[in-house]
Amino acid sequence: MGLWRGRCGPCRNRAPGTCGACRVKLNAGEVSMTNDDALTEQDKADGYVLACQAQISSDVTVEA
């Protein structure tokens, strides 16, 4: 299950995972992402993920 189902998400007119509007900070837990093009290397290093692309693999805590 994803953090954001993306059915009516902000990327609907673009390829999913490319606008960054759903960027959240992952404070705890683990996710994998199918597309993280909207994140910079610094975003990734700082723990940000794209909610529309995140596939949860454990309990998570996020900060919007």
C-alpha atoms as a PDB file:
ATOM      1  CA  MET A   1       0.000   0.000   0.000  1.00  0.00           C
ATOM      2  CA  GLY A   2       1.296   3.482  -0.828  1.00  0.00           C
ATOM      3  CA  LEU A   3       1.313   6.483   1.460  1.00  0.00           C
ATOM      4  CA  TRP A   4      -0.766   8.345  -1.120  1.00  0.00           C
ATOM      5  CA  ARG A   5      -2.931   6.501  -3.563  1.00  0.00           C
ATOM      6  CA  GLY A   6      -2.490   9.230  -6.183  1.00  0.00           C
ATOM      7  CA  ARG A   7      -5.944   8.838  -7.735  1.00  0.00           C
ATOM      8  CA  CYS A   8      -6.493  12.593  -7.796  1.00  0.00           C
ATOM      9  CA  GLY A   9      -2.998  13.679  -6.880  1.00  0.00           C
ATOM     10  CA  PRO A  10      -1.143  16.745  -8.039  1.00  0.00           C
ATOM     11  CA  CYS A  11       0.860  14.810 -10.685  1.00  0.00           C
ATOM     12  CA  ARG A  12      -2.262  13.734 -12.557  1.00  0.00           C
ATOM     13  CA  ASN A  13      -1.306  15.776 -15.634  1.00  0.00           C
ATOM     14  CA  ARG A  14       2.328  14.622 -15.537  1.00  0.00           C
ATOM     15  CA  ALA A  15       4.175  11.392 -14.993  1.00  0.00           C
ATOM     16  CA  PRO A  16       3.660  10.246 -11.384  1.00  0.00           C
ATOM     17  CA  GLY A  17       6.552  11.092  -9.099  1.00  0.00           C
ATOM     18  CA  THR A  18       7.777  14.064 -11.106  1.00  0.00           C
ATOM     19  CA  CYS A  19       6.182  17.118  -9.483  1.00  0.00           C
ATOM     20  CA  GLY A  20       7.266  16.678  -5.846  1.00  0.00           C
ATOM     21  CA  ALA A  21       4.048  18.108  -4.396  1.00  0.00           C
ATOM     22  CA  CYS A  22       3.600  15.059  -2.170  1.00  0.00           C
ATOM     23  CA  ARG A  23       7.135  15.160  -0.705  1.00  0.00           C
ATOM     24  CA  VAL A  24       7.159  14.162   2.966  1.00  0.00           C
ATOM     25  CA  LYS A  25       9.932  13.484   5.449  1.00  0.00           C
ATOM     26  CA  LEU A  26      10.211   9.872   6.538  1.00  0.00           C
ATOM     27  CA  ASN A  27      10.945  10.018  10.268  1.00  0.00           C
ATOM     28  CA  ALA A  28      10.738   6.283  10.933  1.00  0.00           C
ATOM     29  CA  GLY A  29      10.236   3.103   8.958  1.00  0.00           C
ATOM     30  CA  GLU A  30      11.154   1.906   5.505  1.00  0.00           C
ATOM     31  CA  VAL A  31       9.706   2.512   2.061  1.00  0.00           C
ATOM     32  CA  SER A  32      10.763   1.854  -1.508  1.00  0.00           C
ATOM     33  CA  MET A  33       9.877   4.122  -4.409  1.00  0.00           C
ATOM     34  CA  THR A  34       9.224   3.252  -8.032  1.00  0.00           C
ATOM     35  CA  ASN A  35      10.092   6.809  -9.151  1.00  0.00           C
ATOM     36  CA  ASP A  36      11.921   9.490  -7.191  1.00  0.00           C
ATOM     37  CA  ASP A  37      12.760  11.902 -10.026  1.00  0.00           C
ATOM     38  CA  ALA A  38      11.311  14.883  -8.130  1.00  0.00           C
ATOM     39  CA  LEU A  39      13.783  14.452  -5.256  1.00  0.00           C
ATOM     40  CA  THR A  40      17.278  15.898  -5.229  1.00  0.00           C
ATOM     41  CA  GLU A  41      20.173  13.905  -3.837  1.00  0.00           C
ATOM     42  CA  GLN A  42      20.042  16.210  -0.788  1.00  0.00           C
ATOM     43  CA  ASP A  43      16.301  15.504  -0.344  1.00  0.00           C
ATOM     44  CA  LYS A  44      17.050  11.778  -0.323  1.00  0.00           C
ATOM     45  CA  ALA A  45      19.948  12.225   2.116  1.00  0.00           C
ATOM     46  CA  ASP A  46      17.643  14.243   4.390  1.00  0.00           C
ATOM     47  CA  GLY A  47      15.066  11.428   4.431  1.00  0.00           C
ATOM     48  CA  TYR A  48      12.416  12.805   2.081  1.00  0.00           C
ATOM     49  CA  VAL A  49      10.202  10.497   0.041  1.00  0.00           C
ATOM     50  CA  LEU A  50       7.364  10.981  -2.426  1.00  0.00           C
ATOM     51  CA  ALA A  51       4.138   9.826  -0.826  1.00  0.00           C
ATOM     52  CA  CYS A  52       2.617   9.004  -4.227  1.00  0.00           C
ATOM     53  CA  GLN A  53       5.480   6.620  -5.007  1.00  0.00           C
ATOM     54  CA  ALA A  54       6.282   5.171  -1.573  1.00  0.00           C
ATOM     55  CA  GLN A  55       5.566   1.497  -1.050  1.00  0.00           C
ATOM     56  CA  ILE A  56       5.508   0.874   2.694  1.00  0.00           C
ATOM     57  CA  SER A  57       7.522  -2.085   3.963  1.00  0.00           C
ATOM     58  CA  SER A  58       7.165  -1.405   7.710  1.00  0.00           C
ATOM     59  CA  ASP A  59       5.310   0.880  10.100  1.00  0.00           C
ATOM     60  CA  VAL A  60       6.187   4.451   9.159  1.00  0.00           C
ATOM     61  CA  THR A  61       6.052   7.931  10.637  1.00  0.00           C
ATOM     62  CA  VAL A  62       6.079  10.876   8.242  1.00  0.00           C
ATOM     63  CA  GLU A  63       6.124  14.646   8.556  1.00  0.00           C
ATOM     64  CA  ALA A  64       4.352  16.720   5.900  1.00  0.00           C
END
